[in-house]
């Protein structure tokens, strides 16, 4: 039940950043994939989560190095903000343990690789 929630949350976060940076792409090609190393333990038991994977899409316009850098910066800010906003049981907190985001372009393909963890 929670995987679809976090899938939508992370994909929505990427879409917001793409729109803010006015990245032109074919939204029909947008795809998010979580790797097998992704883990989500119920917060009340363990409080560990790791989301590793990528988002890909086909660009319909050019994307220069400055815009890639700004997009990467926006996405790196998003994970700590999400972790801080999660409501945890009294006396417990999540800490941002890993916040790796890389944005790349090869030909007309945009790829956002992420490795995000909190404990």
PDB file of N, CA and C in Angstrom:
ATOM      1  N   UNK A   1       0.816  -1.202   0.000  1.00  0.00           N
ATOM      2  CA  UNK A   1       0.000   0.000   0.000  1.00  0.00           C
ATOM      3  C   UNK A   1       0.866   1.275   0.000  1.00  0.00           C
ATOM      4  N   UNK A   2       1.972   1.245   0.758  1.00  0.00           N
ATOM      5  CA  UNK A   2       2.801   2.445   0.853  1.00  0.00           C
ATOM      6  C   UNK A   2       3.693   2.652  -0.369  1.00  0.00           C
ATOM      7  N   UNK A   3       4.066   1.574  -1.089  1.00  0.00           N
ATOM      8  CA  UNK A   3       4.911   1.749  -2.268  1.00  0.00           C
ATOM      9  C   UNK A   3       4.268   2.659  -3.299  1.00  0.00           C
ATOM     10  N   UNK A   4       2.980   2.453  -3.647  1.00  0.00           N
ATOM     11  CA  UNK A   4       2.362   3.385  -4.608  1.00  0.00           C
ATOM     12  C   UNK A   4       2.356   4.826  -4.099  1.00  0.00           C
ATOM     13  N   UNK A   5       2.195   5.012  -2.795  1.00  0.00           N
ATOM     14  CA  UNK A   5       2.213   6.354  -2.216  1.00  0.00           C
ATOM     15  C   UNK A   5       3.564   7.015  -2.437  1.00  0.00           C
ATOM     16  N   UNK A   6       4.653   6.313  -2.127  1.00  0.00           N
ATOM     17  CA  UNK A   6       5.983   6.891  -2.295  1.00  0.00           C
ATOM     18  C   UNK A   6       6.358   7.005  -3.766  1.00  0.00           C
ATOM     19  N   UNK A   7       5.879   6.093  -4.603  1.00  0.00           N
ATOM     20  CA  UNK A   7       6.107   6.218  -6.039  1.00  0.00           C
ATOM     21  C   UNK A   7       5.494   7.523  -6.538  1.00  0.00           C
ATOM     22  N   UNK A   8       4.265   7.786  -6.145  1.00  0.00           N
ATOM     23  CA  UNK A   8       3.591   9.015  -6.567  1.00  0.00           C
ATOM     24  C   UNK A   8       4.252  10.247  -5.968  1.00  0.00           C
ATOM     25  N   UNK A   9       4.679  10.149  -4.727  1.00  0.00           N
ATOM     26  CA  UNK A   9       5.327  11.273  -4.058  1.00  0.00           C
ATOM     27  C   UNK A   9       6.639  11.639  -4.757  1.00  0.00           C
ATOM     28  N   UNK A  10       7.472  10.651  -5.042  1.00  0.00           N
ATOM     29  CA  UNK A  10       8.754  10.923  -5.700  1.00  0.00           C
ATOM     30  C   UNK A  10       8.562  11.367  -7.143  1.00  0.00           C
ATOM     31  N   UNK A  11       7.657  10.717  -7.859  1.00  0.00           N
ATOM     32  CA  UNK A  11       7.413  11.118  -9.243  1.00  0.00           C
ATOM     33  C   UNK A  11       6.832  12.530  -9.298  1.00  0.00           C
ATOM     34  N   UNK A  12       5.917  12.846  -8.394  1.00  0.00           N
ATOM     35  CA  UNK A  12       5.353  14.192  -8.330  1.00  0.00           C
ATOM     36  C   UNK A  12       6.408  15.236  -8.023  1.00  0.00           C
ATOM     37  N   UNK A  13       7.351  14.891  -7.158  1.00  0.00           N
ATOM     38  CA  UNK A  13       8.438  15.801  -6.811  1.00  0.00           C
ATOM     39  C   UNK A  13       9.301  16.092  -8.039  1.00  0.00           C
ATOM     40  N   UNK A  14       9.605  15.051  -8.812  1.00  0.00           N
ATOM     41  CA  UNK A  14      10.397  15.237 -10.026  1.00  0.00           C
ATOM     42  C   UNK A  14       9.620  16.081 -11.038  1.00  0.00           C
ATOM     43  N   UNK A  15       8.334  15.802 -11.205  1.00  0.00           N
ATOM     44  CA  UNK A  15       7.518  16.572 -12.151  1.00  0.00           C
ATOM     45  C   UNK A  15       7.475  18.050 -11.766  1.00  0.00           C
ATOM     46  N   UNK A  16       7.300  18.344 -10.483  1.00  0.00           N
ATOM     47  CA  UNK A  16       7.303  19.740 -10.028  1.00  0.00           C
ATOM     48  C   UNK A  16       8.612  20.426 -10.397  1.00  0.00           C
ATOM     49  N   UNK A  17       9.734  19.753 -10.161  1.00  0.00           N
ATOM     50  CA  UNK A  17      11.039  20.343 -10.469  1.00  0.00           C
ATOM     51  C   UNK A  17      11.200  20.552 -11.985  1.00  0.00           C
ATOM     52  N   UNK A  18      10.741  19.590 -12.773  1.00  0.00           N
ATOM     53  CA  UNK A  18      10.815  19.732 -14.227  1.00  0.00           C
ATOM     54  C   UNK A  18       9.996  20.919 -14.710  1.00  0.00           C
ATOM     55  N   UNK A  19       8.809  21.080 -14.152  1.00  0.00           N
ATOM     56  CA  UNK A  19       7.966  22.209 -14.533  1.00  0.00           C
ATOM     57  C   UNK A  19       8.570  23.540 -14.095  1.00  0.00           C
ATOM     58  N   UNK A  20       9.121  23.581 -12.875  1.00  0.00           N
ATOM     59  CA  UNK A  20       9.748  24.812 -12.382  1.00  0.00           C
ATOM     60  C   UNK A  20      10.923  25.231 -13.257  1.00  0.00           C
ATOM     61  N   UNK A  21      11.654  24.253 -13.764  1.00  0.00           N
ATOM     62  CA  UNK A  21      12.808  24.548 -14.627  1.00  0.00           C
ATOM     63  C   UNK A  21      12.425  24.622 -16.102  1.00  0.00           C
ATOM     64  N   UNK A  22      11.137  24.492 -16.386  1.00  0.00           N
ATOM     65  CA  UNK A  22      10.611  24.579 -17.748  1.00  0.00           C
ATOM     66  C   UNK A  22      11.311  23.612 -18.706  1.00  0.00           C
ATOM     67  N   UNK A  23      11.512  22.394 -18.215  1.00  0.00           N
ATOM     68  CA  UNK A  23      12.101  21.349 -19.051  1.00  0.00           C
ATOM     69  C   UNK A  23      11.018  20.838 -19.992  1.00  0.00           C
ATOM     70  N   UNK A  24      11.312  20.859 -21.273  1.00  0.00           N
ATOM     71  CA  UNK A  24      10.358  20.411 -22.282  1.00  0.00           C
ATOM     72  C   UNK A  24      10.565  18.922 -22.542  1.00  0.00           C
ATOM     73  N   UNK A  25       9.521  18.145 -22.235  1.00  0.00           N
ATOM     74  CA  UNK A  25       9.614  16.718 -22.479  1.00  0.00           C
ATOM     75  C   UNK A  25       8.249  16.149 -22.823  1.00  0.00           C
ATOM     76  N   UNK A  26       8.260  14.943 -23.326  1.00  0.00           N
ATOM     77  CA  UNK A  26       7.036  14.233 -23.642  1.00  0.00           C
ATOM     78  C   UNK A  26       6.606  13.510 -22.365  1.00  0.00           C
ATOM     79  N   UNK A  27       5.622  14.064 -21.665  1.00  0.00           N
ATOM     80  CA  UNK A  27       5.210  13.500 -20.379  1.00  0.00           C
ATOM     81  C   UNK A  27       4.653  12.092 -20.508  1.00  0.00           C
ATOM     82  N   UNK A  28       4.225  11.703 -21.697  1.00  0.00           N
ATOM     83  CA  UNK A  28       3.736  10.333 -21.900  1.00  0.00           C
ATOM     84  C   UNK A  28       4.849   9.313 -21.751  1.00  0.00           C
ATOM     85  N   UNK A  29       6.123   9.764 -21.880  1.00  0.00           N
ATOM     86  CA  UNK A  29       7.255   8.843 -21.797  1.00  0.00           C
ATOM     87  C   UNK A  29       7.866   8.800 -20.396  1.00  0.00           C
ATOM     88  N   UNK A  30       7.344   9.584 -19.479  1.00  0.00           N
ATOM     89  CA  UNK A  30       7.867   9.645 -18.113  1.00  0.00           C
ATOM     90  C   UNK A  30       7.683   8.304 -17.420  1.00  0.00           C
ATOM     91  N   UNK A  31       8.766   7.792 -16.834  1.00  0.00           N
ATOM     92  CA  UNK A  31       8.728   6.473 -16.200  1.00  0.00           C
ATOM     93  C   UNK A  31       9.615   6.479 -14.963  1.00  0.00           C
ATOM     94  N   UNK A  32       9.116   5.933 -13.862  1.00  0.00           N
ATOM     95  CA  UNK A  32       9.911   5.800 -12.647  1.00  0.00           C
ATOM     96  C   UNK A  32      10.114   4.323 -12.371  1.00  0.00           C
ATOM     97  N   UNK A  33      11.321   3.978 -11.958  1.00  0.00           N
ATOM     98  CA  UNK A  33      11.670   2.596 -11.664  1.00  0.00           C
ATOM     99  C   UNK A  33      12.425   2.551 -10.337  1.00  0.00           C
ATOM    100  N   UNK A  34      11.972   1.706  -9.432  1.00  0.00           N
ATOM    101  CA  UNK A  34      12.685   1.479  -8.178  1.00  0.00           C
ATOM    102  C   UNK A  34      13.511   0.206  -8.323  1.00  0.00           C
ATOM    103  N   UNK A  35      14.771   0.242  -7.884  1.00  0.00           N
ATOM    104  CA  UNK A  35      15.615  -0.948  -7.954  1.00  0.00           C
ATOM    105  C   UNK A  35      15.263  -1.890  -6.801  1.00  0.00           C
ATOM    106  N   UNK A  36      15.800  -3.110  -6.885  1.00  0.00           N
ATOM    107  CA  UNK A  36      15.559  -4.111  -5.840  1.00  0.00           C
ATOM    108  C   UNK A  36      16.197  -3.730  -4.510  1.00  0.00           C
ATOM    109  N   UNK A  37      17.108  -2.764  -4.511  1.00  0.00           N
ATOM    110  CA  UNK A  37      17.747  -2.334  -3.266  1.00  0.00           C
ATOM    111  C   UNK A  37      16.873  -1.364  -2.473  1.00  0.00           C
ATOM    112  N   UNK A  38      15.756  -0.952  -3.049  1.00  0.00           N
ATOM    113  CA  UNK A  38      14.832  -0.064  -2.331  1.00  0.00           C
ATOM    114  C   UNK A  38      14.162  -0.847  -1.201  1.00  0.00           C
ATOM    115  N   UNK A  39      14.023  -0.175  -0.052  1.00  0.00           N
ATOM    116  CA  UNK A  39      13.458  -0.813   1.138  1.00  0.00           C
ATOM    117  C   UNK A  39      12.553   0.186   1.837  1.00  0.00           C
ATOM    118  N   UNK A  40      11.426  -0.293   2.315  1.00  0.00           N
ATOM    119  CA  UNK A  40      10.582   0.557   3.146  1.00  0.00           C
ATOM    120  C   UNK A  40      10.092  -0.264   4.321  1.00  0.00           C
ATOM    121  N   UNK A  41      10.554   0.092   5.515  1.00  0.00           N
ATOM    122  CA  UNK A  41      10.079  -0.555   6.727  1.00  0.00           C
ATOM    123  C   UNK A  41       9.039   0.348   7.357  1.00  0.00           C
ATOM    124  N   UNK A  42       8.002  -0.276   7.878  1.00  0.00           N
ATOM    125  CA  UNK A  42       6.923   0.498   8.500  1.00  0.00           C
ATOM    126  C   UNK A  42       7.524   1.393   9.582  1.00  0.00           C
ATOM    127  N   UNK A  43       7.268   2.705   9.520  1.00  0.00           N
ATOM    128  CA  UNK A  43       7.896   3.647  10.452  1.00  0.00           C
ATOM    129  C   UNK A  43       7.779   3.276  11.931  1.00  0.00           C
ATOM    130  N   UNK A  44       6.696   2.717  12.344  1.00  0.00           N
ATOM    131  CA  UNK A  44       6.538   2.435  13.770  1.00  0.00           C
ATOM    132  C   UNK A  44       7.380   1.245  14.248  1.00  0.00           C
ATOM    133  N   UNK A  45       7.939   0.490  13.297  1.00  0.00           N
ATOM    134  CA  UNK A  45       8.740  -0.668  13.686  1.00  0.00           C
ATOM    135  C   UNK A  45      10.241  -0.430  13.548  1.00  0.00           C
ATOM    136  N   UNK A  46      10.658   0.174  12.452  1.00  0.00           N
ATOM    137  CA  UNK A  46      12.084   0.255  12.165  1.00  0.00           C
ATOM    138  C   UNK A  46      12.513   1.652  11.711  1.00  0.00           C
ATOM    139  N   UNK A  47      11.653   2.369  11.045  1.00  0.00           N
ATOM    140  CA  UNK A  47      11.933   3.723  10.559  1.00  0.00           C
ATOM    141  C   UNK A  47      13.011   3.802   9.490  1.00  0.00           C
ATOM    142  N   UNK A  48      13.231   2.757   8.730  1.00  0.00           N
ATOM    143  CA  UNK A  48      14.244   2.821   7.676  1.00  0.00           C
ATOM    144  C   UNK A  48      13.570   2.825   6.313  1.00  0.00           C
ATOM    145  N   UNK A  49      14.045   3.705   5.449  1.00  0.00           N
ATOM    146  CA  UNK A  49      13.570   3.698   4.075  1.00  0.00           C
ATOM    147  C   UNK A  49      14.717   4.072   3.154  1.00  0.00           C
ATOM    148  N   UNK A  50      14.742   3.393   2.006  1.00  0.00           N
ATOM    149  CA  UNK A  50      15.720   3.700   0.976  1.00  0.00           C
ATOM    150  C   UNK A  50      15.025   3.569  -0.367  1.00  0.00           C
ATOM    151  N   UNK A  51      15.118   4.602  -1.158  1.00  0.00           N
ATOM    152  CA  UNK A  51      14.540   4.602  -2.486  1.00  0.00           C
ATOM    153  C   UNK A  51      15.678   4.799  -3.478  1.00  0.00           C
ATOM    154  N   UNK A  52      15.919   3.774  -4.254  1.00  0.00           N
ATOM    155  CA  UNK A  52      16.977   3.836  -5.250  1.00  0.00           C
ATOM    156  C   UNK A  52      16.370   3.453  -6.598  1.00  0.00           C
ATOM    157  N   UNK A  53      16.703   4.221  -7.618  1.00  0.00           N
ATOM    158  CA  UNK A  53      16.173   3.934  -8.942  1.00  0.00           C
ATOM    159  C   UNK A  53      16.397   5.104  -9.870  1.00  0.00           C
ATOM    160  N   UNK A  54      15.467   5.255 -10.833  1.00  0.00           N
ATOM    161  CA  UNK A  54      15.621   6.344 -11.783  1.00  0.00           C
ATOM    162  C   UNK A  54      14.280   6.738 -12.372  1.00  0.00           C
ATOM    163  N   UNK A  55      14.292   7.941 -12.912  1.00  0.00           N
ATOM    164  CA  UNK A  55      13.172   8.475 -13.676  1.00  0.00           C
ATOM    165  C   UNK A  55      13.726   8.781 -15.060  1.00  0.00           C
ATOM    166  N   UNK A  56      13.013   8.345 -16.101  1.00  0.00           N
ATOM    167  CA  UNK A  56      13.444   8.617 -17.460  1.00  0.00           C
ATOM    168  C   UNK A  56      12.299   9.244 -18.247  1.00  0.00           C
ATOM    169  N   UNK A  57      12.672   9.997 -19.287  1.00  0.00           N
ATOM    170  CA  UNK A  57      11.683  10.614 -20.176  1.00  0.00           C
ATOM    171  C   UNK A  57      12.396  11.062 -21.448  1.00  0.00           C
ATOM    172  N   UNK A  58      11.608  11.235 -22.489  1.00  0.00           N
ATOM    173  CA  UNK A  58      12.131  11.743 -23.753  1.00  0.00           C
ATOM    174  C   UNK A  58      11.963  13.256 -23.803  1.00  0.00           C
ATOM    175  N   UNK A  59      13.057  13.958 -24.036  1.00  0.00           N
ATOM    176  CA  UNK A  59      13.021  15.414 -24.132  1.00  0.00           C
ATOM    177  C   UNK A  59      12.416  15.837 -25.461  1.00  0.00           C
ATOM    178  N   UNK A  60      11.691  16.947 -25.421  1.00  0.00           N
ATOM    179  CA  UNK A  60      11.167  17.513 -26.671  1.00  0.00           C
ATOM    180  C   UNK A  60      11.804  18.869 -26.955  1.00  0.00           C
ATOM    181  N   UNK A  61      12.797  19.220 -26.165  1.00  0.00           N
ATOM    182  CA  UNK A  61      13.550  20.458 -26.337  1.00  0.00           C
ATOM    183  C   UNK A  61      14.945  20.252 -25.783  1.00  0.00           C
ATOM    184  N   UNK A  62      15.789  21.248 -25.953  1.00  0.00           N
ATOM    185  CA  UNK A  62      17.162  21.117 -25.462  1.00  0.00           C
ATOM    186  C   UNK A  62      17.222  21.387 -23.955  1.00  0.00           C
ATOM    187  N   UNK A  63      18.271  20.870 -23.356  1.00  0.00           N
ATOM    188  CA  UNK A  63      18.482  21.045 -21.916  1.00  0.00           C
ATOM    189  C   UNK A  63      19.955  21.350 -21.704  1.00  0.00           C
ATOM    190  N   UNK A  64      20.262  22.613 -21.373  1.00  0.00           N
ATOM    191  CA  UNK A  64      21.663  23.015 -21.223  1.00  0.00           C
ATOM    192  C   UNK A  64      22.200  22.652 -19.839  1.00  0.00           C
ATOM    193  N   UNK A  65      23.512  22.768 -19.694  1.00  0.00           N
ATOM    194  CA  UNK A  65      24.200  22.381 -18.459  1.00  0.00           C
ATOM    195  C   UNK A  65      23.709  23.181 -17.254  1.00  0.00           C
ATOM    196  N   UNK A  66      23.414  24.455 -17.434  1.00  0.00           N
ATOM    197  CA  UNK A  66      22.944  25.290 -16.317  1.00  0.00           C
ATOM    198  C   UNK A  66      21.590  24.804 -15.806  1.00  0.00           C
ATOM    199  N   UNK A  67      20.708  24.455 -16.711  1.00  0.00           N
ATOM    200  CA  UNK A  67      19.376  23.979 -16.304  1.00  0.00           C
ATOM    201  C   UNK A  67      19.483  22.601 -15.645  1.00  0.00           C
ATOM    202  N   UNK A  68      20.373  21.758 -16.154  1.00  0.00           N
ATOM    203  CA  UNK A  68      20.598  20.448 -15.529  1.00  0.00           C
ATOM    204  C   UNK A  68      21.080  20.640 -14.099  1.00  0.00           C
ATOM    205  N   UNK A  69      22.012  21.556 -13.903  1.00  0.00           N
ATOM    206  CA  UNK A  69      22.546  21.838 -12.569  1.00  0.00           C
ATOM    207  C   UNK A  69      21.455  22.341 -11.623  1.00  0.00           C
ATOM    208  N   UNK A  70      20.609  23.254 -12.097  1.00  0.00           N
ATOM    209  CA  UNK A  70      19.517  23.772 -11.263  1.00  0.00           C
ATOM    210  C   UNK A  70      18.507  22.681 -10.928  1.00  0.00           C
ATOM    211  N   UNK A  71      18.220  21.832 -11.893  1.00  0.00           N
ATOM    212  CA  UNK A  71      17.285  20.731 -11.674  1.00  0.00           C
ATOM    213  C   UNK A  71      17.833  19.770 -10.623  1.00  0.00           C
ATOM    214  N   UNK A  72      19.103  19.430 -10.742  1.00  0.00           N
ATOM    215  CA  UNK A  72      19.753  18.563  -9.765  1.00  0.00           C
ATOM    216  C   UNK A  72      19.700  19.184  -8.370  1.00  0.00           C
ATOM    217  N   UNK A  73      19.967  20.477  -8.288  1.00  0.00           N
ATOM    218  CA  UNK A  73      19.938  21.194  -7.004  1.00  0.00           C
ATOM    219  C   UNK A  73      18.543  21.137  -6.387  1.00  0.00           C
ATOM    220  N   UNK A  74      17.521  21.407  -7.178  1.00  0.00           N
ATOM    221  CA  UNK A  74      16.143  21.357  -6.677  1.00  0.00           C
ATOM    222  C   UNK A  74      15.794  19.971  -6.147  1.00  0.00           C
ATOM    223  N   UNK A  75      16.188  18.948  -6.875  1.00  0.00           N
ATOM    224  CA  UNK A  75      15.865  17.589  -6.461  1.00  0.00           C
ATOM    225  C   UNK A  75      16.642  17.173  -5.214  1.00  0.00           C
ATOM    226  N   UNK A  76      17.865  17.661  -5.050  1.00  0.00           N
ATOM    227  CA  UNK A  76      18.622  17.362  -3.831  1.00  0.00           C
ATOM    228  C   UNK A  76      18.003  18.035  -2.604  1.00  0.00           C
ATOM    229  N   UNK A  77      17.370  19.165  -2.781  1.00  0.00           N
ATOM    230  CA  UNK A  77      16.708  19.847  -1.669  1.00  0.00           C
ATOM    231  C   UNK A  77      15.413  19.147  -1.269  1.00  0.00           C
ATOM    232  N   UNK A  78      14.782  18.466  -2.210  1.00  0.00           N
ATOM    233  CA  UNK A  78      13.463  17.877  -1.968  1.00  0.00           C
ATOM    234  C   UNK A  78      13.485  16.750  -0.939  1.00  0.00           C
ATOM    235  N   UNK A  79      14.480  15.857  -0.975  1.00  0.00           N
ATOM    236  CA  UNK A  79      14.495  14.710  -0.066  1.00  0.00           C
ATOM    237  C   UNK A  79      14.581  15.129   1.403  1.00  0.00           C
ATOM    238  N   UNK A  80      15.515  15.990   1.794  1.00  0.00           N
ATOM    239  CA  UNK A  80      15.533  16.423   3.195  1.00  0.00           C
ATOM    240  C   UNK A  80      14.217  17.090   3.614  1.00  0.00           C
ATOM    241  N   UNK A  81      13.591  17.831   2.698  1.00  0.00           N
ATOM    242  CA  UNK A  81      12.305  18.455   3.010  1.00  0.00           C
ATOM    243  C   UNK A  81      11.221  17.400   3.233  1.00  0.00           C
ATOM    244  N   UNK A  82      11.204  16.363   2.398  1.00  0.00           N
ATOM    245  CA  UNK A  82      10.228  15.281   2.564  1.00  0.00           C
ATOM    246  C   UNK A  82      10.445  14.538   3.874  1.00  0.00           C
ATOM    247  N   UNK A  83      11.702  14.229   4.189  1.00  0.00           N
ATOM    248  CA  UNK A  83      12.018  13.515   5.429  1.00  0.00           C
ATOM    249  C   UNK A  83      11.582  14.340   6.636  1.00  0.00           C
ATOM    250  N   UNK A  84      11.845  15.634   6.615  1.00  0.00           N
ATOM    251  CA  UNK A  84      11.480  16.507   7.737  1.00  0.00           C
ATOM    252  C   UNK A  84       9.962  16.611   7.918  1.00  0.00           C
ATOM    253  N   UNK A  85       9.217  16.458   6.822  1.00  0.00           N
ATOM    254  CA  UNK A  85       7.766  16.616   6.890  1.00  0.00           C
ATOM    255  C   UNK A  85       7.028  15.351   7.298  1.00  0.00           C
ATOM    256  N   UNK A  86       7.710  14.191   7.282  1.00  0.00           N
ATOM    257  CA  UNK A  86       7.037  12.946   7.642  1.00  0.00           C
ATOM    258  C   UNK A  86       6.667  12.956   9.131  1.00  0.00           C
ATOM    259  N   UNK A  87       5.449  12.605   9.401  1.00  0.00           N
ATOM    260  CA  UNK A  87       4.940  12.581  10.772  1.00  0.00           C
ATOM    261  C   UNK A  87       5.294  11.243  11.414  1.00  0.00           C
ATOM    262  N   UNK A  88       6.133  11.276  12.426  1.00  0.00           N
ATOM    263  CA  UNK A  88       6.584  10.065  13.102  1.00  0.00           C
ATOM    264  C   UNK A  88       5.946   9.975  14.488  1.00  0.00           C
ATOM    265  N   UNK A  89       5.929   8.758  15.044  1.00  0.00           N
ATOM    266  CA  UNK A  89       5.413   8.610  16.415  1.00  0.00           C
ATOM    267  C   UNK A  89       6.210   9.491  17.387  1.00  0.00           C
ATOM    268  N   UNK A  90       5.567   9.886  18.457  1.00  0.00           N
ATOM    269  CA  UNK A  90       6.208  10.754  19.462  1.00  0.00           C
ATOM    270  C   UNK A  90       7.518  10.129  19.932  1.00  0.00           C
ATOM    271  N   UNK A  91       8.540  10.939  19.999  1.00  0.00           N
ATOM    272  CA  UNK A  91       9.833  10.493  20.499  1.00  0.00           C
ATOM    273  C   UNK A  91      10.728   9.877  19.445  1.00  0.00           C
ATOM    274  N   UNK A  92      10.290   9.856  18.212  1.00  0.00           N
ATOM    275  CA  UNK A  92      11.105   9.274  17.155  1.00  0.00           C
ATOM    276  C   UNK A  92      11.209  10.248  15.992  1.00  0.00           C
ATOM    277  N   UNK A  93      12.331  10.185  15.275  1.00  0.00           N
ATOM    278  CA  UNK A  93      12.555  11.066  14.133  1.00  0.00           C
ATOM    279  C   UNK A  93      13.290  10.312  13.056  1.00  0.00           C
ATOM    280  N   UNK A  94      13.082  10.734  11.841  1.00  0.00           N
ATOM    281  CA  UNK A  94      13.865  10.224  10.727  1.00  0.00           C
ATOM    282  C   UNK A  94      15.025  11.174  10.466  1.00  0.00           C
ATOM    283  N   UNK A  95      16.149  10.613  10.112  1.00  0.00           N
ATOM    284  CA  UNK A  95      17.322  11.404   9.769  1.00  0.00           C
ATOM    285  C   UNK A  95      17.699  11.108   8.323  1.00  0.00           C
ATOM    286  N   UNK A  96      18.011  12.144   7.587  1.00  0.00           N
ATOM    287  CA  UNK A  96      18.437  11.992   6.203  1.00  0.00           C
ATOM    288  C   UNK A  96      19.823  11.350   6.183  1.00  0.00           C
ATOM    289  N   UNK A  97      19.928  10.125   5.676  1.00  0.00           N
ATOM    290  CA  UNK A  97      21.201   9.397   5.633  1.00  0.00           C
ATOM    291  C   UNK A  97      21.892   9.458   4.274  1.00  0.00           C
ATOM    292  N   UNK A  98      21.115   9.510   3.210  1.00  0.00           N
ATOM    293  CA  UNK A  98      21.689   9.527   1.867  1.00  0.00           C
ATOM    294  C   UNK A  98      20.807  10.393   0.982  1.00  0.00           C
ATOM    295  N   UNK A  99      21.446  11.226   0.172  1.00  0.00           N
ATOM    296  CA  UNK A  99      20.707  12.125  -0.703  1.00  0.00           C
ATOM    297  C   UNK A  99      21.495  12.308  -1.997  1.00  0.00           C
ATOM    298  N   UNK A 100      21.537  11.244  -2.797  1.00  0.00           N
ATOM    299  CA  UNK A 100      22.291  11.284  -4.045  1.00  0.00           C
ATOM    300  C   UNK A 100      21.324  11.390  -5.219  1.00  0.00           C
ATOM    301  N   UNK A 101      21.509  12.426  -6.018  1.00  0.00           N
ATOM    302  CA  UNK A 101      20.690  12.652  -7.204  1.00  0.00           C
ATOM    303  C   UNK A 101      21.611  13.084  -8.337  1.00  0.00           C
ATOM    304  N   UNK A 102      21.447  12.428  -9.486  1.00  0.00           N
ATOM    305  CA  UNK A 102      22.217  12.809 -10.675  1.00  0.00           C
ATOM    306  C   UNK A 102      21.254  12.959 -11.837  1.00  0.00           C
ATOM    307  N   UNK A 103      21.387  14.049 -12.543  1.00  0.00           N
ATOM    308  CA  UNK A 103      20.570  14.307 -13.721  1.00  0.00           C
ATOM    309  C   UNK A 103      21.493  14.262 -14.931  1.00  0.00           C
ATOM    310  N   UNK A 104      21.100  13.503 -15.931  1.00  0.00           N
ATOM    311  CA  UNK A 104      21.910  13.409 -17.140  1.00  0.00           C
ATOM    312  C   UNK A 104      21.046  13.369 -18.386  1.00  0.00           C
ATOM    313  N   UNK A 105      21.670  13.711 -19.495  1.00  0.00           N
ATOM    314  CA  UNK A 105      20.990  13.686 -20.789  1.00  0.00           C
ATOM    315  C   UNK A 105      21.892  12.945 -21.767  1.00  0.00           C
ATOM    316  N   UNK A 106      21.298  11.990 -22.469  1.00  0.00           N
ATOM    317  CA  UNK A 106      22.015  11.295 -23.528  1.00  0.00           C
ATOM    318  C   UNK A 106      21.103  11.282 -24.744  1.00  0.00           C
ATOM    319  N   UNK A 107      21.513  12.025 -25.769  1.00  0.00           N
ATOM    320  CA  UNK A 107      20.648  12.195 -26.936  1.00  0.00           C
ATOM    321  C   UNK A 107      19.412  12.979 -26.528  1.00  0.00           C
ATOM    322  N   UNK A 108      18.240  12.401 -26.742  1.00  0.00           N
ATOM    323  CA  UNK A 108      17.003  13.074 -26.332  1.00  0.00           C
ATOM    324  C   UNK A 108      16.406  12.457 -25.066  1.00  0.00           C
ATOM    325  N   UNK A 109      17.219  11.666 -24.351  1.00  0.00           N
ATOM    326  CA  UNK A 109      16.724  10.991 -23.149  1.00  0.00           C
ATOM    327  C   UNK A 109      17.219  11.672 -21.873  1.00  0.00           C
ATOM    328  N   UNK A 110      16.272  12.048 -21.028  1.00  0.00           N
ATOM    329  CA  UNK A 110      16.563  12.594 -19.703  1.00  0.00           C
ATOM    330  C   UNK A 110      16.557  11.433 -18.722  1.00  0.00           C
ATOM    331  N   UNK A 111      17.513  11.439 -17.817  1.00  0.00           N
ATOM    332  CA  UNK A 111      17.570  10.397 -16.790  1.00  0.00           C
ATOM    333  C   UNK A 111      17.925  11.038 -15.461  1.00  0.00           C
ATOM    334  N   UNK A 112      17.114  10.758 -14.455  1.00  0.00           N
ATOM    335  CA  UNK A 112      17.363  11.207 -13.091  1.00  0.00           C
ATOM    336  C   UNK A 112      17.600   9.958 -12.260  1.00  0.00           C
ATOM    337  N   UNK A 113      18.843   9.759 -11.799  1.00  0.00           N
ATOM    338  CA  UNK A 113      19.158   8.644 -10.920  1.00  0.00           C
ATOM    339  C   UNK A 113      19.101   9.129  -9.489  1.00  0.00           C
ATOM    340  N   UNK A 114      18.481   8.336  -8.627  1.00  0.00           N
ATOM    341  CA  UNK A 114      18.366   8.734  -7.230  1.00  0.00           C
ATOM    342  C   UNK A 114      18.699   7.572  -6.302  1.00  0.00           C
ATOM    343  N   UNK A 115      19.298   7.920  -5.162  1.00  0.00           N
ATOM    344  CA  UNK A 115      19.569   6.979  -4.085  1.00  0.00           C
ATOM    345  C   UNK A 115      19.330   7.776  -2.805  1.00  0.00           C
ATOM    346  N   UNK A 116      18.176   7.562  -2.211  1.00  0.00           N
ATOM    347  CA  UNK A 116      17.713   8.351  -1.074  1.00  0.00           C
ATOM    348  C   UNK A 116      17.452   7.425   0.105  1.00  0.00           C
ATOM    349  N   UNK A 117      17.977   7.780   1.269  1.00  0.00           N
ATOM    350  CA  UNK A 117      17.761   6.933   2.444  1.00  0.00           C
ATOM    351  C   UNK A 117      17.526   7.804   3.668  1.00  0.00           C
ATOM    352  N   UNK A 118      16.729   7.262   4.574  1.00  0.00           N
ATOM    353  CA  UNK A 118      16.481   7.925   5.858  1.00  0.00           C
ATOM    354  C   UNK A 118      16.305   6.835   6.907  1.00  0.00           C
ATOM    355  N   UNK A 119      16.770   7.121   8.111  1.00  0.00           N
ATOM    356  CA  UNK A 119      16.684   6.157   9.215  1.00  0.00           C
ATOM    357  C   UNK A 119      16.307   6.892  10.489  1.00  0.00           C
TER     358      UNK A 119
END
